[in-house]
PDB file of all heavy atoms in Angstrom:
ATOM      1  N   LEU A   1     112.614  78.625  33.311  1.00  0.00           N
ATOM      2  CA  LEU A   1     112.120  79.617  34.265  1.00  0.00           C
ATOM      3  C   LEU A   1     112.319  79.196  35.712  1.00  0.00           C
ATOM      4  O   LEU A   1     112.557  80.033  36.574  1.00  0.00           O
ATOM      5  CB  LEU A   1     110.656  79.929  33.990  1.00  0.00           C
ATOM      6  CG  LEU A   1     110.403  80.591  32.639  1.00  0.00           C
ATOM      7  CD1 LEU A   1     108.915  80.750  32.392  1.00  0.00           C
ATOM      8  CD2 LEU A   1     111.107  81.927  32.547  1.00  0.00           C
ATOM      9  N   GLY A   2     112.242  77.904  35.978  1.00  0.00           N
ATOM     10  CA  GLY A   2     112.465  77.428  37.338  1.00  0.00           C
ATOM     11  C   GLY A   2     113.918  77.550  37.743  1.00  0.00           C
ATOM     12  O   GLY A   2     114.239  78.107  38.796  1.00  0.00           O
ATOM     13  N   ASN A   3     114.808  77.056  36.917  1.00  0.00           N
ATOM     14  CA  ASN A   3     116.235  77.070  37.252  1.00  0.00           C
ATOM     15  C   ASN A   3     116.874  78.437  37.058  1.00  0.00           C
ATOM     16  O   ASN A   3     117.723  78.839  37.856  1.00  0.00           O
ATOM     17  CB  ASN A   3     116.988  76.027  36.425  1.00  0.00           C
ATOM     18  CG  ASN A   3     116.654  74.618  36.840  1.00  0.00           C
ATOM     19  OD1 ASN A   3     116.295  74.360  37.978  1.00  0.00           O
ATOM     20  ND2 ASN A   3     116.757  73.689  35.909  1.00  0.00           N
ATOM     21  N   ASP A   4     116.501  79.138  36.006  1.00  0.00           N
ATOM     22  CA  ASP A   4     117.156  80.405  35.694  1.00  0.00           C
ATOM     23  C   ASP A   4     116.587  81.593  36.475  1.00  0.00           C
ATOM     24  O   ASP A   4     117.309  82.527  36.793  1.00  0.00           O
ATOM     25  CB  ASP A   4     117.075  80.708  34.195  1.00  0.00           C
ATOM     26  CG  ASP A   4     117.809  79.673  33.344  1.00  0.00           C
ATOM     27  OD1 ASP A   4     118.655  78.945  33.887  1.00  0.00           O
ATOM     28  OD2 ASP A   4     117.518  79.594  32.138  1.00  0.00           O
ATOM     29  N   PHE A   5     115.286  81.562  36.762  1.00  0.00           N
ATOM     30  CA  PHE A   5     114.647  82.701  37.421  1.00  0.00           C
ATOM     31  C   PHE A   5     113.918  82.336  38.713  1.00  0.00           C
ATOM     32  O   PHE A   5     113.402  83.219  39.386  1.00  0.00           O
ATOM     33  CB  PHE A   5     113.659  83.393  36.472  1.00  0.00           C
ATOM     34  CG  PHE A   5     114.335  84.199  35.407  1.00  0.00           C
ATOM     35  CD1 PHE A   5     114.552  83.664  34.148  1.00  0.00           C
ATOM     36  CD2 PHE A   5     114.752  85.490  35.657  1.00  0.00           C
ATOM     37  CE1 PHE A   5     115.176  84.395  33.153  1.00  0.00           C
ATOM     38  CE2 PHE A   5     115.379  86.238  34.668  1.00  0.00           C
ATOM     39  CZ  PHE A   5     115.596  85.692  33.421  1.00  0.00           C
ATOM     40  N   GLY A   6     113.835  81.058  39.046  1.00  0.00           N
ATOM     41  CA  GLY A   6     113.159  80.648  40.278  1.00  0.00           C
ATOM     42  C   GLY A   6     111.685  81.028  40.305  1.00  0.00           C
ATOM     43  O   GLY A   6     111.142  81.355  41.358  1.00  0.00           O
ATOM     44  N   ILE A   7     111.023  80.948  39.144  1.00  0.00           N
ATOM     45  CA  ILE A   7     109.600  81.312  39.067  1.00  0.00           C
ATOM     46  C   ILE A   7     108.785  80.410  39.995  1.00  0.00           C
ATOM     47  O   ILE A   7     109.035  79.214  40.101  1.00  0.00           O
ATOM     48  CB  ILE A   7     109.094  81.244  37.609  1.00  0.00           C
ATOM     49  CG1 ILE A   7     107.751  81.969  37.469  1.00  0.00           C
ATOM     50  CG2 ILE A   7     109.001  79.805  37.124  1.00  0.00           C
ATOM     51  CD1 ILE A   7     107.329  82.208  36.031  1.00  0.00           C
ATOM     52  N   ASP A   8     107.838  81.001  40.713  1.00  0.00           N
ATOM     53  CA  ASP A   8     106.993  80.206  41.605  1.00  0.00           C
ATOM     54  C   ASP A   8     105.620  79.997  40.963  1.00  0.00           C
ATOM     55  O   ASP A   8     105.331  80.524  39.891  1.00  0.00           O
ATOM     56  CB  ASP A   8     106.893  80.849  42.999  1.00  0.00           C
ATOM     57  CG  ASP A   8     106.199  82.202  43.005  1.00  0.00           C
ATOM     58  OD1 ASP A   8     105.284  82.445  42.189  1.00  0.00           O
ATOM     59  OD2 ASP A   8     106.566  83.037  43.860  1.00  0.00           O
ATOM     60  N   SER A   9     104.779  79.217  41.624  1.00  0.00           N
ATOM     61  CA  SER A   9     103.492  78.833  41.038  1.00  0.00           C
ATOM     62  C   SER A   9     102.567  80.035  40.833  1.00  0.00           C
ATOM     63  O   SER A   9     101.830  80.081  39.845  1.00  0.00           O
ATOM     64  CB  SER A   9     102.802  77.773  41.885  1.00  0.00           C
ATOM     65  OG  SER A   9     102.585  78.254  43.201  1.00  0.00           O
ATOM     66  N   LEU A  10     102.594  81.012  41.729  1.00  0.00           N
ATOM     67  CA  LEU A  10     101.744  82.193  41.552  1.00  0.00           C
ATOM     68  C   LEU A  10     102.196  83.015  40.355  1.00  0.00           C
ATOM     69  O   LEU A  10     101.375  83.524  39.589  1.00  0.00           O
ATOM     70  CB  LEU A  10     101.741  83.053  42.813  1.00  0.00           C
ATOM     71  CG  LEU A  10     101.028  82.451  44.016  1.00  0.00           C
ATOM     72  CD1 LEU A  10     101.173  83.360  45.223  1.00  0.00           C
ATOM     73  CD2 LEU A  10      99.558  82.203  43.705  1.00  0.00           C
ATOM     74  N   GLU A  11     103.502  83.151  40.188  1.00  0.00           N
ATOM     75  CA  GLU A  11     104.018  83.872  39.026  1.00  0.00           C
ATOM     76  C   GLU A  11     103.673  83.128  37.742  1.00  0.00           C
ATOM     77  O   GLU A  11     103.309  83.744  36.735  1.00  0.00           O
ATOM     78  CB  GLU A  11     105.536  84.047  39.147  1.00  0.00           C
ATOM     79  CG  GLU A  11     105.937  85.012  40.249  1.00  0.00           C
ATOM     80  CD  GLU A  11     107.410  84.968  40.574  1.00  0.00           C
ATOM     81  OE1 GLU A  11     108.021  83.873  40.507  1.00  0.00           O
ATOM     82  OE2 GLU A  11     107.954  86.032  40.916  1.00  0.00           O
ATOM     83  N   LEU A  12     103.766  81.805  37.774  1.00  0.00           N
ATOM     84  CA  LEU A  12     103.426  81.003  36.603  1.00  0.00           C
ATOM     85  C   LEU A  12     101.947  81.153  36.248  1.00  0.00           C
ATOM     86  O   LEU A  12     101.585  81.260  35.078  1.00  0.00           O
ATOM     87  CB  LEU A  12     103.783  79.538  36.852  1.00  0.00           C
ATOM     88  CG  LEU A  12     103.782  78.622  35.650  1.00  0.00           C
ATOM     89  CD1 LEU A  12     104.745  79.107  34.583  1.00  0.00           C
ATOM     90  CD2 LEU A  12     104.146  77.211  36.070  1.00  0.00           C
ATOM     91  N   MET A  13     101.093  81.195  37.275  1.00  0.00           N
ATOM     92  CA  MET A  13      99.664  81.400  37.029  1.00  0.00           C
ATOM     93  C   MET A  13      99.413  82.781  36.422  1.00  0.00           C
ATOM     94  O   MET A  13      98.568  82.935  35.537  1.00  0.00           O
ATOM     95  CB  MET A  13      98.870  81.225  38.319  1.00  0.00           C
ATOM     96  CG  MET A  13      98.798  79.775  38.771  1.00  0.00           C
ATOM     97  SD  MET A  13      98.034  79.539  40.390  1.00  0.00           S
ATOM     98  CE  MET A  13      96.494  80.369  40.200  1.00  0.00           C
ATOM     99  N   ASP A  14     100.169  83.782  36.866  1.00  0.00           N
ATOM    100  CA  ASP A  14     100.043  85.131  36.307  1.00  0.00           C
ATOM    101  C   ASP A  14     100.460  85.136  34.837  1.00  0.00           C
ATOM    102  O   ASP A  14      99.780  85.714  33.987  1.00  0.00           O
ATOM    103  CB  ASP A  14     100.899  86.105  37.115  1.00  0.00           C
ATOM    104  CG  ASP A  14     100.625  87.564  36.793  1.00  0.00           C
ATOM    105  OD1 ASP A  14      99.777  87.859  35.920  1.00  0.00           O
ATOM    106  OD2 ASP A  14     101.279  88.428  37.413  1.00  0.00           O
ATOM    107  N   VAL A  15     101.561  84.468  34.516  1.00  0.00           N
ATOM    108  CA  VAL A  15     102.003  84.358  33.117  1.00  0.00           C
ATOM    109  C   VAL A  15     100.906  83.690  32.292  1.00  0.00           C
ATOM    110  O   VAL A  15     100.548  84.165  31.209  1.00  0.00           O
ATOM    111  CB  VAL A  15     103.324  83.565  33.006  1.00  0.00           C
ATOM    112  CG1 VAL A  15     103.635  83.221  31.552  1.00  0.00           C
ATOM    113  CG2 VAL A  15     104.479  84.339  33.634  1.00  0.00           C
ATOM    114  N   GLY A  16     100.358  82.583  32.806  1.00  0.00           N
ATOM    115  CA  GLY A  16      99.295  81.864  32.094  1.00  0.00           C
ATOM    116  C   GLY A  16      98.079  82.735  31.844  1.00  0.00           C
ATOM    117  O   GLY A  16      97.520  82.738  30.744  1.00  0.00           O
ATOM    118  N   ALA A  17      97.673  83.505  32.843  1.00  0.00           N
ATOM    119  CA  ALA A  17      96.506  84.381  32.702  1.00  0.00           C
ATOM    120  C   ALA A  17      96.759  85.465  31.648  1.00  0.00           C
ATOM    121  O   ALA A  17      95.885  85.773  30.834  1.00  0.00           O
ATOM    122  CB  ALA A  17      96.160  85.019  34.040  1.00  0.00           C
ATOM    123  N   ARG A  18      97.969  86.002  31.646  1.00  0.00           N
ATOM    124  CA  ARG A  18      98.305  87.028  30.647  1.00  0.00           C
ATOM    125  C   ARG A  18      98.265  86.435  29.236  1.00  0.00           C
ATOM    126  O   ARG A  18      97.769  87.060  28.312  1.00  0.00           O
ATOM    127  CB  ARG A  18      99.682  87.614  30.932  1.00  0.00           C
ATOM    128  CG  ARG A  18      99.720  88.491  32.165  1.00  0.00           C
ATOM    129  CD  ARG A  18     101.148  88.833  32.570  1.00  0.00           C
ATOM    130  NE  ARG A  18     101.173  89.508  33.839  1.00  0.00           N
ATOM    131  CZ  ARG A  18     101.411  90.810  33.989  1.00  0.00           C
ATOM    132  NH1 ARG A  18     101.635  91.567  32.943  1.00  0.00           N
ATOM    133  NH2 ARG A  18     101.422  91.347  35.188  1.00  0.00           N
ATOM    134  N   LEU A  19      98.815  85.232  29.098  1.00  0.00           N
ATOM    135  CA  LEU A  19      98.811  84.581  27.783  1.00  0.00           C
ATOM    136  C   LEU A  19      97.391  84.255  27.337  1.00  0.00           C
ATOM    137  O   LEU A  19      97.053  84.412  26.160  1.00  0.00           O
ATOM    138  CB  LEU A  19      99.683  83.325  27.805  1.00  0.00           C
ATOM    139  CG  LEU A  19     101.177  83.581  27.976  1.00  0.00           C
ATOM    140  CD1 LEU A  19     101.915  82.266  28.187  1.00  0.00           C
ATOM    141  CD2 LEU A  19     101.737  84.350  26.786  1.00  0.00           C
ATOM    142  N   GLU A  20      96.551  83.788  28.259  1.00  0.00           N
ATOM    143  CA  GLU A  20      95.155  83.504  27.918  1.00  0.00           C
ATOM    144  C   GLU A  20      94.458  84.765  27.411  1.00  0.00           C
ATOM    145  O   GLU A  20      93.709  84.717  26.432  1.00  0.00           O
ATOM    146  CB  GLU A  20      94.409  82.946  29.126  1.00  0.00           C
ATOM    147  CG  GLU A  20      94.736  81.517  29.433  1.00  0.00           C
ATOM    148  CD  GLU A  20      93.959  80.973  30.616  1.00  0.00           C
ATOM    149  OE1 GLU A  20      93.471  81.758  31.471  1.00  0.00           O
ATOM    150  OE2 GLU A  20      93.842  79.740  30.709  1.00  0.00           O
ATOM    151  N   ASN A  21      94.688  85.891  28.079  1.00  0.00           N
ATOM    152  CA  ASN A  21      94.045  87.146  27.684  1.00  0.00           C
ATOM    153  C   ASN A  21      94.522  87.634  26.325  1.00  0.00           C
ATOM    154  O   ASN A  21      93.719  88.065  25.506  1.00  0.00           O
ATOM    155  CB  ASN A  21      94.289  88.224  28.741  1.00  0.00           C
ATOM    156  CG  ASN A  21      93.472  87.993  29.986  1.00  0.00           C
ATOM    157  OD1 ASN A  21      92.416  87.384  29.954  1.00  0.00           O
ATOM    158  ND2 ASN A  21      93.975  88.464  31.108  1.00  0.00           N
ATOM    159  N   VAL A  22      95.813  87.556  26.087  1.00  0.00           N
ATOM    160  CA  VAL A  22      96.367  88.054  24.828  1.00  0.00           C
ATOM    161  C   VAL A  22      96.021  87.135  23.662  1.00  0.00           C
ATOM    162  O   VAL A  22      95.637  87.588  22.589  1.00  0.00           O
ATOM    163  CB  VAL A  22      97.899  88.216  24.940  1.00  0.00           C
ATOM    164  CG1 VAL A  22      98.532  88.483  23.584  1.00  0.00           C
ATOM    165  CG2 VAL A  22      98.250  89.327  25.918  1.00  0.00           C
ATOM    166  N   LEU A  23      96.161  85.824  23.888  1.00  0.00           N
ATOM    167  CA  LEU A  23      95.988  84.850  22.803  1.00  0.00           C
ATOM    168  C   LEU A  23      94.569  84.313  22.690  1.00  0.00           C
ATOM    169  O   LEU A  23      94.243  83.630  21.721  1.00  0.00           O
ATOM    170  CB  LEU A  23      96.966  83.685  22.999  1.00  0.00           C
ATOM    171  CG  LEU A  23      98.444  84.066  22.987  1.00  0.00           C
ATOM    172  CD1 LEU A  23      99.300  82.884  23.397  1.00  0.00           C
ATOM    173  CD2 LEU A  23      98.848  84.591  21.621  1.00  0.00           C
ATOM    174  N   ARG A  24      93.737  84.591  23.686  1.00  0.00           N
ATOM    175  CA  ARG A  24      92.350  84.120  23.705  1.00  0.00           C
ATOM    176  C   ARG A  24      92.274  82.595  23.562  1.00  0.00           C
ATOM    177  O   ARG A  24      91.538  82.069  22.726  1.00  0.00           O
ATOM    178  CB  ARG A  24      91.526  84.813  22.632  1.00  0.00           C
ATOM    179  CG  ARG A  24      91.487  86.305  22.775  1.00  0.00           C
ATOM    180  CD  ARG A  24      90.532  86.926  21.807  1.00  0.00           C
ATOM    181  NE  ARG A  24      90.603  88.353  21.745  1.00  0.00           N
ATOM    182  CZ  ARG A  24      90.110  89.203  22.651  1.00  0.00           C
ATOM    183  NH1 ARG A  24      89.520  88.748  23.720  1.00  0.00           N
ATOM    184  NH2 ARG A  24      90.229  90.505  22.480  1.00  0.00           N
ATOM    185  N   VAL A  25      93.075  81.929  24.397  1.00  0.00           N
ATOM    186  CA  VAL A  25      93.110  80.473  24.401  1.00  0.00           C
ATOM    187  C   VAL A  25      93.177  80.011  25.849  1.00  0.00           C
ATOM    188  O   VAL A  25      93.764  80.678  26.700  1.00  0.00           O
ATOM    189  CB  VAL A  25      94.312  79.939  23.582  1.00  0.00           C
ATOM    190  CG1 VAL A  25      95.629  80.345  24.190  1.00  0.00           C
ATOM    191  CG2 VAL A  25      94.246  78.445  23.398  1.00  0.00           C
ATOM    192  N   LYS A  26      92.537  78.897  26.160  1.00  0.00           N
ATOM    193  CA  LYS A  26      92.564  78.347  27.513  1.00  0.00           C
ATOM    194  C   LYS A  26      93.854  77.565  27.712  1.00  0.00           C
ATOM    195  O   LYS A  26      94.214  76.732  26.885  1.00  0.00           O
ATOM    196  CB  LYS A  26      91.348  77.428  27.732  1.00  0.00           C
ATOM    197  CG  LYS A  26      91.269  76.845  29.109  1.00  0.00           C
ATOM    198  CD  LYS A  26      90.938  77.921  30.116  1.00  0.00           C
ATOM    199  CE  LYS A  26      90.813  77.305  31.506  1.00  0.00           C
ATOM    200  NZ  LYS A  26      91.173  78.227  32.555  1.00  0.00           N
TER     201      LYS A  26
END
C-alpha cells in the first residue's frame, strides 16, 4: 500500500477503523 498506492497514516487509520468495525477486533 505504501509503494503501490502511497497510502498515508490517516488513510491507514481509516482502513484500521473500518476493519475493527466489520471484524469486531481491536
